[in-house]
Amino acid sequence: MQKIFGYTEQNITTNGFLMADKLEKLVENGLVRTNISLDSLNREKFKEITGVDGLEEVINTIELSSNIVKLTKINVCLMNKNFDEISDLIDFVSTLGENVIIKFFELWKFNPADIYLAMHVDCDKIKNKILELGNIEPLDSIKGNNPNVEYFLLKDKNVKCGIVAAPTNYKCGGPSCKKIRVYTTGRTCEGRKIVTGTYEEKVEAFKELMERRSSTVVAR
């Protein structure tokens, strides 16, 4: 796929549950960045949040990714039920090396609103909790180009962190964005319906998108 479309890099977002035995092959075929969900280090809480008793499998994937993938981002959706794990999660990441970043996501809005509000933790509270763990230094060189993420180095732990404030203050990357997101509906983040027609037509549609974005893609 990389050769067909001319991608400069391939990234994957995954829950990590069935990924460990596939990672080496994916890296051989151009995978350079993983985004892996990890919402708890507690087995029972992990099962409650995700619906799957798969913490061990996800940890194995994360540890392998930290060793063989150029950049691993661990995505944590913070809620009242796992807010108390921020320190433990950061300590875990501190054992994985410099090519790992942990991102704390503000819970995205959903209905019923009263349930959402009961679960929601705002970004200021998240950042203040991290500040309790030590001094931070802003980072502006993290790959990803998501304008909704504030990156910084937690100096006392030597851990790169990010806070994603999308629900509270969502910003689109605009024309300088280097990503193309394709949703399950077949539409892109630009609102275009492209995953229709024959295989050849889909390939041509992706090529056209890549050509339009080529002037903004930088070398990695």
N, C-alpha and C. Protein backbone atom coordinates (compact mmCIF):
# COMPACT_ATOMS: atom_id res chain seq x y z
N MET A 1 0.83 -1.20 0.00
CA MET A 1 0.00 0.00 0.00
C MET A 1 0.87 1.25 0.00
N GLN A 2 1.97 1.22 0.75
CA GLN A 2 2.85 2.38 0.80
C GLN A 2 3.39 2.70 -0.59
N LYS A 3 3.78 1.68 -1.35
CA LYS A 3 4.34 1.90 -2.68
C LYS A 3 3.26 2.40 -3.64
N ILE A 4 2.03 1.88 -3.50
CA ILE A 4 0.96 2.27 -4.41
C ILE A 4 0.61 3.74 -4.25
N PHE A 5 0.45 4.18 -2.99
CA PHE A 5 -0.05 5.53 -2.75
C PHE A 5 1.05 6.57 -2.56
N GLY A 6 2.28 6.14 -2.34
CA GLY A 6 3.37 7.08 -2.17
C GLY A 6 3.42 7.74 -0.81
N TYR A 7 2.95 7.08 0.23
CA TYR A 7 2.99 7.65 1.57
C TYR A 7 4.43 7.86 2.03
N THR A 8 4.67 8.93 2.77
CA THR A 8 5.99 9.14 3.34
C THR A 8 6.14 8.40 4.66
N GLU A 9 5.02 8.08 5.31
CA GLU A 9 5.05 7.29 6.53
C GLU A 9 3.69 6.63 6.72
N GLN A 10 3.71 5.54 7.49
CA GLN A 10 2.46 4.86 7.82
C GLN A 10 2.32 4.80 9.34
N ASN A 11 1.14 5.19 9.81
CA ASN A 11 0.84 5.17 11.24
C ASN A 11 -0.40 4.32 11.46
N ILE A 12 -0.54 3.79 12.67
CA ILE A 12 -1.71 3.01 12.98
C ILE A 12 -2.21 3.35 14.38
N THR A 13 -3.53 3.46 14.51
CA THR A 13 -4.17 3.63 15.80
C THR A 13 -4.88 2.33 16.14
N THR A 14 -4.62 1.79 17.33
CA THR A 14 -5.10 0.46 17.65
C THR A 14 -5.36 0.32 19.14
N ASN A 15 -6.24 -0.62 19.50
CA ASN A 15 -6.40 -0.94 20.93
C ASN A 15 -5.32 -1.89 21.41
N GLY A 16 -4.49 -2.41 20.48
CA GLY A 16 -3.34 -3.22 20.83
C GLY A 16 -3.63 -4.65 21.22
N PHE A 17 -4.89 -5.04 21.24
CA PHE A 17 -5.27 -6.35 21.77
C PHE A 17 -4.77 -7.51 20.92
N LEU A 18 -4.83 -7.34 19.61
CA LEU A 18 -4.42 -8.42 18.69
C LEU A 18 -3.24 -7.99 17.81
N MET A 19 -2.42 -7.09 18.30
CA MET A 19 -1.42 -6.46 17.45
C MET A 19 -0.01 -6.99 17.62
N ALA A 20 0.33 -7.57 18.76
CA ALA A 20 1.73 -7.90 19.05
C ALA A 20 2.36 -8.79 17.99
N ASP A 21 1.64 -9.81 17.53
CA ASP A 21 2.24 -10.75 16.58
C ASP A 21 2.25 -10.19 15.16
N LYS A 22 1.71 -9.01 14.95
CA LYS A 22 1.69 -8.39 13.61
C LYS A 22 2.68 -7.25 13.49
N LEU A 23 3.19 -6.74 14.60
CA LEU A 23 3.97 -5.51 14.58
C LEU A 23 5.24 -5.61 13.73
N GLU A 24 6.00 -6.68 13.88
CA GLU A 24 7.25 -6.78 13.14
C GLU A 24 7.02 -6.74 11.64
N LYS A 25 5.98 -7.43 11.16
CA LYS A 25 5.67 -7.42 9.73
C LYS A 25 5.22 -6.03 9.28
N LEU A 26 4.46 -5.36 10.12
CA LEU A 26 4.01 -4.01 9.78
C LEU A 26 5.19 -3.04 9.69
N VAL A 27 6.14 -3.19 10.60
CA VAL A 27 7.33 -2.33 10.56
C VAL A 27 8.13 -2.59 9.29
N GLU A 28 8.24 -3.86 8.90
CA GLU A 28 8.94 -4.21 7.67
C GLU A 28 8.29 -3.54 6.45
N ASN A 29 6.99 -3.32 6.54
CA ASN A 29 6.25 -2.75 5.41
C ASN A 29 6.00 -1.25 5.56
N GLY A 30 6.73 -0.60 6.46
CA GLY A 30 6.70 0.86 6.50
C GLY A 30 6.07 1.51 7.71
N LEU A 31 5.61 0.75 8.68
CA LEU A 31 5.00 1.35 9.86
C LEU A 31 6.06 2.07 10.69
N VAL A 32 5.83 3.35 10.99
CA VAL A 32 6.81 4.12 11.76
C VAL A 32 6.23 4.71 13.04
N ARG A 33 4.89 4.67 13.20
CA ARG A 33 4.31 5.24 14.40
C ARG A 33 3.06 4.47 14.81
N THR A 34 2.94 4.19 16.10
CA THR A 34 1.74 3.55 16.61
C THR A 34 1.06 4.45 17.63
N ASN A 35 -0.26 4.41 17.64
CA ASN A 35 -1.06 5.04 18.68
C ASN A 35 -1.85 3.91 19.35
N ILE A 36 -1.54 3.63 20.60
CA ILE A 36 -2.12 2.47 21.28
C ILE A 36 -2.91 2.93 22.50
N SER A 37 -4.14 2.48 22.60
CA SER A 37 -5.00 2.86 23.72
C SER A 37 -4.64 2.07 24.97
N LEU A 38 -4.58 2.79 26.09
CA LEU A 38 -4.36 2.15 27.39
C LEU A 38 -5.05 3.01 28.44
N ASP A 39 -6.24 2.60 28.86
CA ASP A 39 -7.04 3.44 29.75
C ASP A 39 -6.92 3.06 31.22
N SER A 40 -6.18 2.01 31.53
CA SER A 40 -5.96 1.63 32.92
C SER A 40 -4.85 0.60 33.00
N LEU A 41 -4.14 0.61 34.13
CA LEU A 41 -3.16 -0.43 34.43
C LEU A 41 -3.71 -1.45 35.41
N ASN A 42 -4.95 -1.25 35.80
CA ASN A 42 -5.64 -2.18 36.69
C ASN A 42 -6.49 -3.13 35.85
N ARG A 43 -6.26 -4.42 36.02
CA ARG A 43 -6.92 -5.40 35.14
C ARG A 43 -8.43 -5.29 35.18
N GLU A 44 -9.01 -5.21 36.36
CA GLU A 44 -10.47 -5.15 36.47
C GLU A 44 -11.02 -3.85 35.92
N LYS A 45 -10.33 -2.76 36.19
CA LYS A 45 -10.78 -1.47 35.68
C LYS A 45 -10.65 -1.42 34.15
N PHE A 46 -9.55 -1.99 33.64
CA PHE A 46 -9.36 -2.07 32.19
C PHE A 46 -10.52 -2.83 31.55
N LYS A 47 -10.89 -3.93 32.15
CA LYS A 47 -11.99 -4.75 31.63
C LYS A 47 -13.30 -3.98 31.68
N GLU A 48 -13.51 -3.22 32.76
CA GLU A 48 -14.74 -2.44 32.89
C GLU A 48 -14.83 -1.36 31.82
N ILE A 49 -13.71 -0.69 31.54
CA ILE A 49 -13.72 0.40 30.57
C ILE A 49 -13.82 -0.11 29.15
N THR A 50 -13.06 -1.15 28.82
CA THR A 50 -12.97 -1.61 27.43
C THR A 50 -13.94 -2.74 27.09
N GLY A 51 -14.40 -3.46 28.11
CA GLY A 51 -15.26 -4.60 27.85
C GLY A 51 -14.50 -5.87 27.52
N VAL A 52 -13.16 -5.82 27.60
CA VAL A 52 -12.32 -6.97 27.25
C VAL A 52 -11.27 -7.18 28.35
N ASP A 53 -11.06 -8.42 28.73
CA ASP A 53 -10.01 -8.75 29.70
C ASP A 53 -8.70 -8.91 28.95
N GLY A 54 -8.12 -7.77 28.53
CA GLY A 54 -6.98 -7.84 27.63
C GLY A 54 -5.80 -6.97 28.02
N LEU A 55 -5.70 -6.61 29.29
CA LEU A 55 -4.62 -5.71 29.70
C LEU A 55 -3.24 -6.29 29.39
N GLU A 56 -3.03 -7.58 29.68
CA GLU A 56 -1.72 -8.19 29.45
C GLU A 56 -1.33 -8.11 27.98
N GLU A 57 -2.28 -8.40 27.09
CA GLU A 57 -2.00 -8.36 25.65
C GLU A 57 -1.63 -6.95 25.20
N VAL A 58 -2.34 -5.95 25.72
CA VAL A 58 -2.06 -4.57 25.34
C VAL A 58 -0.70 -4.12 25.86
N ILE A 59 -0.37 -4.48 27.08
CA ILE A 59 0.94 -4.13 27.63
C ILE A 59 2.05 -4.76 26.79
N ASN A 60 1.87 -6.02 26.39
CA ASN A 60 2.86 -6.69 25.53
C ASN A 60 3.06 -5.94 24.22
N THR A 61 1.95 -5.48 23.63
CA THR A 61 2.03 -4.72 22.37
C THR A 61 2.79 -3.42 22.58
N ILE A 62 2.48 -2.71 23.66
CA ILE A 62 3.13 -1.44 23.93
C ILE A 62 4.63 -1.64 24.13
N GLU A 63 5.00 -2.64 24.90
CA GLU A 63 6.43 -2.88 25.17
C GLU A 63 7.17 -3.25 23.89
N LEU A 64 6.55 -4.07 23.05
CA LEU A 64 7.18 -4.43 21.78
C LEU A 64 7.30 -3.21 20.88
N SER A 65 6.23 -2.44 20.79
CA SER A 65 6.24 -1.24 19.96
C SER A 65 7.33 -0.27 20.40
N SER A 66 7.52 -0.12 21.70
CA SER A 66 8.54 0.80 22.20
C SER A 66 9.94 0.39 21.77
N ASN A 67 10.11 -0.89 21.44
CA ASN A 67 11.43 -1.40 21.04
C ASN A 67 11.67 -1.39 19.55
N ILE A 68 10.60 -1.52 18.73
CA ILE A 68 10.83 -1.70 17.30
C ILE A 68 10.19 -0.63 16.42
N VAL A 69 9.33 0.21 16.97
CA VAL A 69 8.69 1.27 16.18
C VAL A 69 9.35 2.60 16.52
N LYS A 70 9.50 3.46 15.53
CA LYS A 70 10.22 4.72 15.74
C LYS A 70 9.56 5.59 16.80
N LEU A 71 8.23 5.64 16.79
CA LEU A 71 7.53 6.47 17.76
C LEU A 71 6.25 5.77 18.20
N THR A 72 6.09 5.62 19.51
CA THR A 72 4.89 5.00 20.08
C THR A 72 4.18 6.03 20.94
N LYS A 73 2.91 6.24 20.65
CA LYS A 73 2.09 7.13 21.46
C LYS A 73 1.05 6.30 22.20
N ILE A 74 1.00 6.46 23.51
CA ILE A 74 0.02 5.76 24.33
C ILE A 74 -1.13 6.72 24.61
N ASN A 75 -2.33 6.32 24.21
CA ASN A 75 -3.51 7.18 24.33
C ASN A 75 -4.35 6.77 25.53
N VAL A 76 -4.55 7.71 26.45
CA VAL A 76 -5.34 7.46 27.65
C VAL A 76 -6.54 8.39 27.65
N CYS A 77 -7.74 7.84 27.59
CA CYS A 77 -8.95 8.65 27.72
C CYS A 77 -9.25 8.77 29.21
N LEU A 78 -9.09 9.98 29.74
CA LEU A 78 -9.25 10.17 31.18
C LEU A 78 -10.70 10.44 31.56
N MET A 79 -11.11 9.76 32.61
CA MET A 79 -12.44 9.92 33.19
C MET A 79 -12.28 9.89 34.70
N ASN A 80 -13.35 10.14 35.40
CA ASN A 80 -13.28 10.09 36.86
C ASN A 80 -12.80 8.74 37.36
N LYS A 81 -13.14 7.67 36.63
CA LYS A 81 -12.80 6.33 37.11
C LYS A 81 -11.33 5.96 36.94
N ASN A 82 -10.59 6.68 36.09
CA ASN A 82 -9.16 6.37 35.95
C ASN A 82 -8.26 7.58 36.17
N PHE A 83 -8.84 8.69 36.59
CA PHE A 83 -8.07 9.91 36.83
C PHE A 83 -6.97 9.68 37.87
N ASP A 84 -7.24 8.81 38.84
CA ASP A 84 -6.27 8.55 39.90
C ASP A 84 -5.06 7.74 39.43
N GLU A 85 -5.05 7.31 38.16
CA GLU A 85 -3.95 6.50 37.65
C GLU A 85 -2.90 7.30 36.87
N ILE A 86 -3.07 8.60 36.80
CA ILE A 86 -2.14 9.41 36.01
C ILE A 86 -0.69 9.16 36.41
N SER A 87 -0.42 9.19 37.70
CA SER A 87 0.96 8.99 38.18
C SER A 87 1.49 7.60 37.81
N ASP A 88 0.66 6.57 38.00
CA ASP A 88 1.08 5.21 37.68
C ASP A 88 1.34 5.05 36.18
N LEU A 89 0.49 5.64 35.37
CA LEU A 89 0.66 5.55 33.91
C LEU A 89 1.95 6.24 33.47
N ILE A 90 2.24 7.39 34.05
CA ILE A 90 3.48 8.10 33.71
C ILE A 90 4.69 7.30 34.16
N ASP A 91 4.62 6.70 35.34
CA ASP A 91 5.73 5.86 35.81
C ASP A 91 5.95 4.68 34.87
N PHE A 92 4.87 4.09 34.38
CA PHE A 92 4.99 2.99 33.42
C PHE A 92 5.69 3.45 32.15
N VAL A 93 5.30 4.59 31.63
CA VAL A 93 5.92 5.09 30.40
C VAL A 93 7.39 5.42 30.62
N SER A 94 7.74 5.83 31.82
CA SER A 94 9.14 6.17 32.11
C SER A 94 10.07 4.96 31.97
N THR A 95 9.50 3.76 31.95
CA THR A 95 10.32 2.55 31.81
C THR A 95 10.49 2.12 30.35
N LEU A 96 9.86 2.83 29.43
CA LEU A 96 9.79 2.36 28.04
C LEU A 96 10.76 3.04 27.09
N GLY A 97 11.48 4.04 27.54
CA GLY A 97 12.45 4.68 26.66
C GLY A 97 11.96 5.98 26.07
N GLU A 98 12.85 6.64 25.33
CA GLU A 98 12.60 8.00 24.84
C GLU A 98 11.67 8.06 23.63
N ASN A 99 11.40 6.93 22.99
CA ASN A 99 10.57 6.94 21.79
C ASN A 99 9.09 6.69 22.11
N VAL A 100 8.69 6.97 23.34
CA VAL A 100 7.31 6.76 23.76
C VAL A 100 6.77 8.05 24.35
N ILE A 101 5.54 8.38 23.97
CA ILE A 101 4.83 9.55 24.47
C ILE A 101 3.50 9.08 25.04
N ILE A 102 3.08 9.68 26.15
CA ILE A 102 1.75 9.38 26.67
C ILE A 102 0.86 10.60 26.46
N LYS A 103 -0.31 10.36 25.88
CA LYS A 103 -1.27 11.44 25.63
C LYS A 103 -2.52 11.20 26.46
N PHE A 104 -2.93 12.22 27.19
CA PHE A 104 -4.14 12.16 27.99
C PHE A 104 -5.26 12.90 27.25
N PHE A 105 -6.30 12.15 26.91
CA PHE A 105 -7.41 12.71 26.14
C PHE A 105 -8.56 13.12 27.06
N GLU A 106 -9.07 14.29 26.82
CA GLU A 106 -10.31 14.69 27.46
C GLU A 106 -11.44 13.86 26.85
N LEU A 107 -12.33 13.38 27.69
CA LEU A 107 -13.44 12.56 27.22
C LEU A 107 -14.31 13.34 26.25
N TRP A 108 -14.58 12.71 25.08
CA TRP A 108 -15.40 13.36 24.06
C TRP A 108 -16.86 13.39 24.49
N LYS A 109 -17.54 14.46 24.13
CA LYS A 109 -18.93 14.64 24.54
C LYS A 109 -19.84 13.57 23.95
N PHE A 110 -20.82 13.14 24.73
CA PHE A 110 -21.81 12.19 24.25
C PHE A 110 -23.09 12.37 25.04
N ASN A 111 -24.14 11.75 24.58
CA ASN A 111 -25.42 11.75 25.28
C ASN A 111 -25.65 10.40 25.93
N PRO A 112 -26.37 10.31 27.05
CA PRO A 112 -27.01 11.41 27.78
C PRO A 112 -25.99 12.34 28.44
N ALA A 113 -26.28 13.63 28.44
CA ALA A 113 -25.35 14.63 28.92
C ALA A 113 -25.02 14.47 30.39
N ASP A 114 -26.01 14.02 31.20
CA ASP A 114 -25.75 13.90 32.63
C ASP A 114 -24.71 12.82 32.93
N ILE A 115 -24.72 11.74 32.13
CA ILE A 115 -23.72 10.68 32.32
C ILE A 115 -22.35 11.19 31.88
N TYR A 116 -22.32 11.90 30.76
CA TYR A 116 -21.06 12.48 30.29
C TYR A 116 -20.45 13.40 31.34
N LEU A 117 -21.26 14.29 31.89
CA LEU A 117 -20.77 15.26 32.86
C LEU A 117 -20.27 14.57 34.13
N ALA A 118 -20.90 13.46 34.50
CA ALA A 118 -20.47 12.72 35.69
C ALA A 118 -19.12 12.05 35.47
N MET A 119 -18.79 11.72 34.22
CA MET A 119 -17.54 11.03 33.90
C MET A 119 -16.42 11.98 33.51
N HIS A 120 -16.77 13.19 33.08
CA HIS A 120 -15.82 14.10 32.46
C HIS A 120 -14.83 14.70 33.45
N VAL A 121 -13.57 14.81 33.01
CA VAL A 121 -12.52 15.52 33.74
C VAL A 121 -11.95 16.56 32.79
N ASP A 122 -11.97 17.84 33.17
CA ASP A 122 -11.51 18.87 32.23
C ASP A 122 -9.99 18.93 32.18
N CYS A 123 -9.50 19.59 31.14
CA CYS A 123 -8.06 19.59 30.85
C CYS A 123 -7.25 20.32 31.92
N ASP A 124 -7.80 21.36 32.49
CA ASP A 124 -7.06 22.08 33.54
C ASP A 124 -6.78 21.16 34.73
N LYS A 125 -7.77 20.34 35.07
CA LYS A 125 -7.59 19.42 36.19
C LYS A 125 -6.53 18.36 35.85
N ILE A 126 -6.53 17.91 34.61
CA ILE A 126 -5.53 16.94 34.17
C ILE A 126 -4.13 17.54 34.26
N LYS A 127 -3.98 18.75 33.73
CA LYS A 127 -2.66 19.39 33.73
C LYS A 127 -2.18 19.67 35.15
N ASN A 128 -3.08 20.13 36.01
CA ASN A 128 -2.69 20.42 37.40
C ASN A 128 -2.23 19.15 38.11
N LYS A 129 -2.86 18.03 37.79
CA LYS A 129 -2.45 16.76 38.40
C LYS A 129 -1.04 16.38 37.96
N ILE A 130 -0.75 16.59 36.67
CA ILE A 130 0.58 16.29 36.16
C ILE A 130 1.62 17.22 36.78
N LEU A 131 1.25 18.48 36.98
CA LEU A 131 2.17 19.45 37.58
C LEU A 131 2.54 19.07 39.01
N GLU A 132 1.69 18.32 39.66
CA GLU A 132 2.01 17.84 41.01
C GLU A 132 3.19 16.87 40.99
N LEU A 133 3.45 16.28 39.82
CA LEU A 133 4.51 15.27 39.71
C LEU A 133 5.87 15.86 39.37
N GLY A 134 5.91 17.17 39.05
CA GLY A 134 7.18 17.79 38.75
C GLY A 134 7.06 18.93 37.76
N ASN A 135 8.19 19.49 37.38
CA ASN A 135 8.24 20.61 36.46
C ASN A 135 8.07 20.14 35.02
N ILE A 136 7.47 21.00 34.18
CA ILE A 136 7.28 20.66 32.78
C ILE A 136 7.98 21.67 31.88
N GLU A 137 8.32 21.20 30.69
CA GLU A 137 8.96 22.03 29.68
C GLU A 137 8.21 21.85 28.37
N PRO A 138 7.66 22.92 27.78
CA PRO A 138 6.88 22.79 26.53
C PRO A 138 7.71 22.16 25.42
N LEU A 139 7.05 21.34 24.59
CA LEU A 139 7.68 20.71 23.44
C LEU A 139 6.92 21.11 22.18
N ASP A 140 7.64 21.47 21.14
CA ASP A 140 6.98 21.85 19.89
C ASP A 140 7.48 21.05 18.70
N SER A 141 8.19 19.96 18.96
CA SER A 141 8.78 19.20 17.86
C SER A 141 8.21 17.79 17.75
N ILE A 142 7.06 17.54 18.37
CA ILE A 142 6.46 16.21 18.32
C ILE A 142 5.73 16.02 17.00
N LYS A 143 5.96 14.87 16.35
CA LYS A 143 5.30 14.58 15.09
C LYS A 143 3.81 14.35 15.33
N GLY A 144 3.01 14.81 14.40
CA GLY A 144 1.58 14.56 14.49
C GLY A 144 0.74 15.72 13.99
N ASN A 145 1.20 16.94 14.26
CA ASN A 145 0.54 18.13 13.73
C ASN A 145 -0.93 18.25 14.13
N ASN A 146 -1.28 17.74 15.28
CA ASN A 146 -2.65 17.88 15.78
C ASN A 146 -2.71 19.15 16.61
N PRO A 147 -3.45 20.17 16.16
CA PRO A 147 -3.48 21.44 16.89
C PRO A 147 -4.20 21.36 18.22
N ASN A 148 -4.84 20.21 18.50
CA ASN A 148 -5.57 20.05 19.75
C ASN A 148 -4.71 19.49 20.88
N VAL A 149 -3.43 19.22 20.60
CA VAL A 149 -2.56 18.60 21.60
C VAL A 149 -1.53 19.60 22.12
N GLU A 150 -1.41 19.68 23.43
CA GLU A 150 -0.34 20.44 24.07
C GLU A 150 0.70 19.43 24.57
N TYR A 151 1.90 19.49 24.00
CA TYR A 151 2.96 18.55 24.39
C TYR A 151 3.95 19.21 25.34
N PHE A 152 4.47 18.44 26.26
CA PHE A 152 5.49 18.94 27.17
C PHE A 152 6.28 17.77 27.74
N LEU A 153 7.45 18.08 28.26
CA LEU A 153 8.30 17.10 28.92
C LEU A 153 8.13 17.25 30.42
N LEU A 154 7.75 16.16 31.08
CA LEU A 154 7.72 16.12 32.54
C LEU A 154 9.15 15.81 32.98
N LYS A 155 9.88 16.86 33.33
CA LYS A 155 11.33 16.77 33.49
C LYS A 155 11.74 15.82 34.60
N ASP A 156 11.02 15.83 35.71
CA ASP A 156 11.41 14.99 36.85
C ASP A 156 11.31 13.50 36.54
N LYS A 157 10.43 13.14 35.59
CA LYS A 157 10.24 11.74 35.21
C LYS A 157 10.88 11.43 33.85
N ASN A 158 11.31 12.48 33.13
CA ASN A 158 11.84 12.35 31.77
C ASN A 158 10.83 11.63 30.87
N VAL A 159 9.58 12.09 30.95
CA VAL A 159 8.49 11.50 30.15
C VAL A 159 7.84 12.59 29.31
N LYS A 160 7.69 12.31 28.03
CA LYS A 160 6.98 13.22 27.14
C LYS A 160 5.48 12.98 27.27
N CYS A 161 4.75 14.05 27.51
CA CYS A 161 3.30 13.96 27.72
C CYS A 161 2.56 14.87 26.75
N GLY A 162 1.30 14.55 26.52
CA GLY A 162 0.43 15.42 25.74
C GLY A 162 -0.94 15.45 26.38
N ILE A 163 -1.61 16.58 26.27
CA ILE A 163 -2.99 16.71 26.72
C ILE A 163 -3.83 17.12 25.51
N VAL A 164 -4.86 16.33 25.23
CA VAL A 164 -5.69 16.56 24.06
C VAL A 164 -7.01 17.17 24.51
N ALA A 165 -7.20 18.44 24.16
CA ALA A 165 -8.37 19.19 24.63
C ALA A 165 -9.44 19.31 23.57
N ALA A 166 -9.55 18.29 22.71
CA ALA A 166 -10.44 18.41 21.55
C ALA A 166 -11.89 18.75 21.89
N PRO A 167 -12.53 18.08 22.84
CA PRO A 167 -13.95 18.38 23.08
C PRO A 167 -14.18 19.81 23.55
N THR A 168 -13.30 20.32 24.41
CA THR A 168 -13.48 21.66 24.98
C THR A 168 -13.15 22.75 23.98
N ASN A 169 -12.09 22.52 23.20
CA ASN A 169 -11.62 23.59 22.32
C ASN A 169 -11.09 22.99 21.03
N TYR A 170 -11.97 22.37 20.25
CA TYR A 170 -11.55 21.65 19.05
C TYR A 170 -11.03 22.59 17.97
N LYS A 171 -9.90 22.21 17.36
CA LYS A 171 -9.32 22.96 16.26
C LYS A 171 -9.01 22.00 15.12
N CYS A 172 -9.45 22.33 13.92
CA CYS A 172 -9.10 21.55 12.73
C CYS A 172 -7.69 21.94 12.29
N GLY A 173 -6.95 20.98 11.77
CA GLY A 173 -5.59 21.26 11.31
C GLY A 173 -5.54 22.16 10.09
N GLY A 174 -6.66 22.23 9.35
CA GLY A 174 -6.71 23.11 8.20
C GLY A 174 -5.88 22.62 7.02
N PRO A 175 -5.62 23.51 6.05
CA PRO A 175 -4.91 23.10 4.82
C PRO A 175 -3.48 22.66 5.03
N SER A 176 -2.86 23.02 6.17
CA SER A 176 -1.48 22.62 6.42
C SER A 176 -1.39 21.24 7.06
N CYS A 177 -2.53 20.62 7.36
CA CYS A 177 -2.54 19.31 8.01
C CYS A 177 -1.92 18.27 7.09
N LYS A 178 -1.13 17.38 7.65
CA LYS A 178 -0.44 16.37 6.87
C LYS A 178 -1.12 15.01 6.94
N LYS A 179 -2.32 14.97 7.50
CA LYS A 179 -3.02 13.70 7.65
C LYS A 179 -4.29 13.68 6.80
N ILE A 180 -4.67 12.47 6.42
CA ILE A 180 -5.97 12.25 5.79
C ILE A 180 -6.67 11.18 6.61
N ARG A 181 -7.75 11.54 7.25
CA ARG A 181 -8.51 10.59 8.06
C ARG A 181 -9.69 10.08 7.24
N VAL A 182 -9.86 8.77 7.21
CA VAL A 182 -10.98 8.15 6.51
C VAL A 182 -11.83 7.44 7.55
N TYR A 183 -13.08 7.83 7.67
CA TYR A 183 -13.97 7.28 8.68
C TYR A 183 -14.73 6.07 8.14
N THR A 184 -15.42 5.37 9.04
CA THR A 184 -16.13 4.15 8.64
C THR A 184 -17.25 4.43 7.65
N THR A 185 -17.68 5.67 7.56
CA THR A 185 -18.72 6.05 6.60
C THR A 185 -18.18 6.16 5.18
N GLY A 186 -16.86 6.11 5.04
CA GLY A 186 -16.25 6.29 3.73
C GLY A 186 -15.91 7.72 3.42
N ARG A 187 -16.16 8.63 4.36
CA ARG A 187 -15.84 10.04 4.16
C ARG A 187 -14.50 10.37 4.80
N THR A 188 -13.84 11.38 4.23
CA THR A 188 -12.60 11.85 4.80
C THR A 188 -12.89 12.96 5.79
N CYS A 189 -11.86 13.40 6.50
CA CYS A 189 -12.02 14.51 7.45
C CYS A 189 -12.38 15.80 6.73
N GLU A 190 -12.19 15.84 5.41
CA GLU A 190 -12.60 16.99 4.62
C GLU A 190 -14.07 16.93 4.23
N GLY A 191 -14.73 15.82 4.58
CA GLY A 191 -16.14 15.67 4.24
C GLY A 191 -16.40 15.07 2.87
N ARG A 192 -15.36 14.56 2.22
CA ARG A 192 -15.50 13.99 0.89
C ARG A 192 -15.76 12.50 0.98
N LYS A 193 -16.68 12.01 0.17
CA LYS A 193 -16.98 10.58 0.09
C LYS A 193 -16.05 9.98 -0.96
N ILE A 194 -15.11 9.12 -0.52
CA ILE A 194 -14.15 8.60 -1.49
C ILE A 194 -14.11 7.08 -1.55
N VAL A 195 -14.54 6.40 -0.50
CA VAL A 195 -14.42 4.94 -0.51
C VAL A 195 -15.66 4.34 -1.17
N THR A 196 -15.76 4.56 -2.46
CA THR A 196 -16.83 4.01 -3.28
C THR A 196 -16.23 3.57 -4.60
N GLY A 197 -16.99 2.82 -5.37
CA GLY A 197 -16.53 2.42 -6.69
C GLY A 197 -15.61 1.22 -6.66
N THR A 198 -14.91 1.03 -7.76
CA THR A 198 -14.00 -0.10 -7.91
C THR A 198 -12.71 0.14 -7.15
N TYR A 199 -11.92 -0.92 -7.03
CA TYR A 199 -10.63 -0.79 -6.36
C TYR A 199 -9.77 0.25 -7.06
N GLU A 200 -9.74 0.21 -8.40
CA GLU A 200 -8.93 1.15 -9.16
C GLU A 200 -9.37 2.59 -8.90
N GLU A 201 -10.70 2.80 -8.79
CA GLU A 201 -11.21 4.15 -8.54
C GLU A 201 -10.82 4.63 -7.14
N LYS A 202 -10.81 3.70 -6.18
CA LYS A 202 -10.40 4.07 -4.82
C LYS A 202 -8.93 4.46 -4.79
N VAL A 203 -8.09 3.69 -5.50
CA VAL A 203 -6.67 4.00 -5.56
C VAL A 203 -6.45 5.38 -6.16
N GLU A 204 -7.15 5.69 -7.23
CA GLU A 204 -7.02 7.00 -7.87
C GLU A 204 -7.48 8.12 -6.95
N ALA A 205 -8.53 7.87 -6.18
CA ALA A 205 -9.02 8.89 -5.24
C ALA A 205 -7.98 9.19 -4.17
N PHE A 206 -7.34 8.14 -3.64
CA PHE A 206 -6.31 8.35 -2.64
C PHE A 206 -5.08 9.03 -3.24
N LYS A 207 -4.73 8.67 -4.45
CA LYS A 207 -3.59 9.32 -5.11
C LYS A 207 -3.83 10.82 -5.25
N GLU A 208 -5.06 11.16 -5.65
CA GLU A 208 -5.39 12.58 -5.83
C GLU A 208 -5.28 13.34 -4.52
N LEU A 209 -5.74 12.72 -3.44
CA LEU A 209 -5.63 13.35 -2.12
C LEU A 209 -4.17 13.56 -1.74
N MET A 210 -3.34 12.53 -1.99
CA MET A 210 -1.93 12.63 -1.64
C MET A 210 -1.22 13.70 -2.45
N GLU A 211 -1.58 13.83 -3.71
CA GLU A 211 -0.95 14.84 -4.55
C GLU A 211 -1.26 16.24 -4.06
N ARG A 212 -2.50 16.45 -3.60
CA ARG A 212 -2.88 17.77 -3.08
C ARG A 212 -2.17 18.09 -1.79
N ARG A 213 -1.87 17.07 -0.99
CA ARG A 213 -1.21 17.30 0.29
C ARG A 213 0.31 17.27 0.19
N SER A 214 0.86 16.85 -0.96
CA SER A 214 2.30 16.57 -1.07
C SER A 214 3.16 17.79 -0.73
N SER A 215 2.67 18.97 -1.03
CA SER A 215 3.49 20.15 -0.80
C SER A 215 3.63 20.49 0.68
N THR A 216 2.80 19.88 1.54
CA THR A 216 2.87 20.17 2.98
C THR A 216 3.56 19.06 3.77
N VAL A 217 3.81 17.93 3.12
CA VAL A 217 4.42 16.80 3.83
C VAL A 217 5.92 17.03 3.95
N VAL A 218 6.45 16.89 5.14
CA VAL A 218 7.87 17.09 5.37
C VAL A 218 8.58 15.77 5.54
N ALA A 219 9.86 15.77 5.32
CA ALA A 219 10.64 14.54 5.45
C ALA A 219 10.74 14.14 6.91
N ARG A 220 10.60 12.84 7.15
CA ARG A 220 10.75 12.31 8.51
C ARG A 220 12.08 11.59 8.61
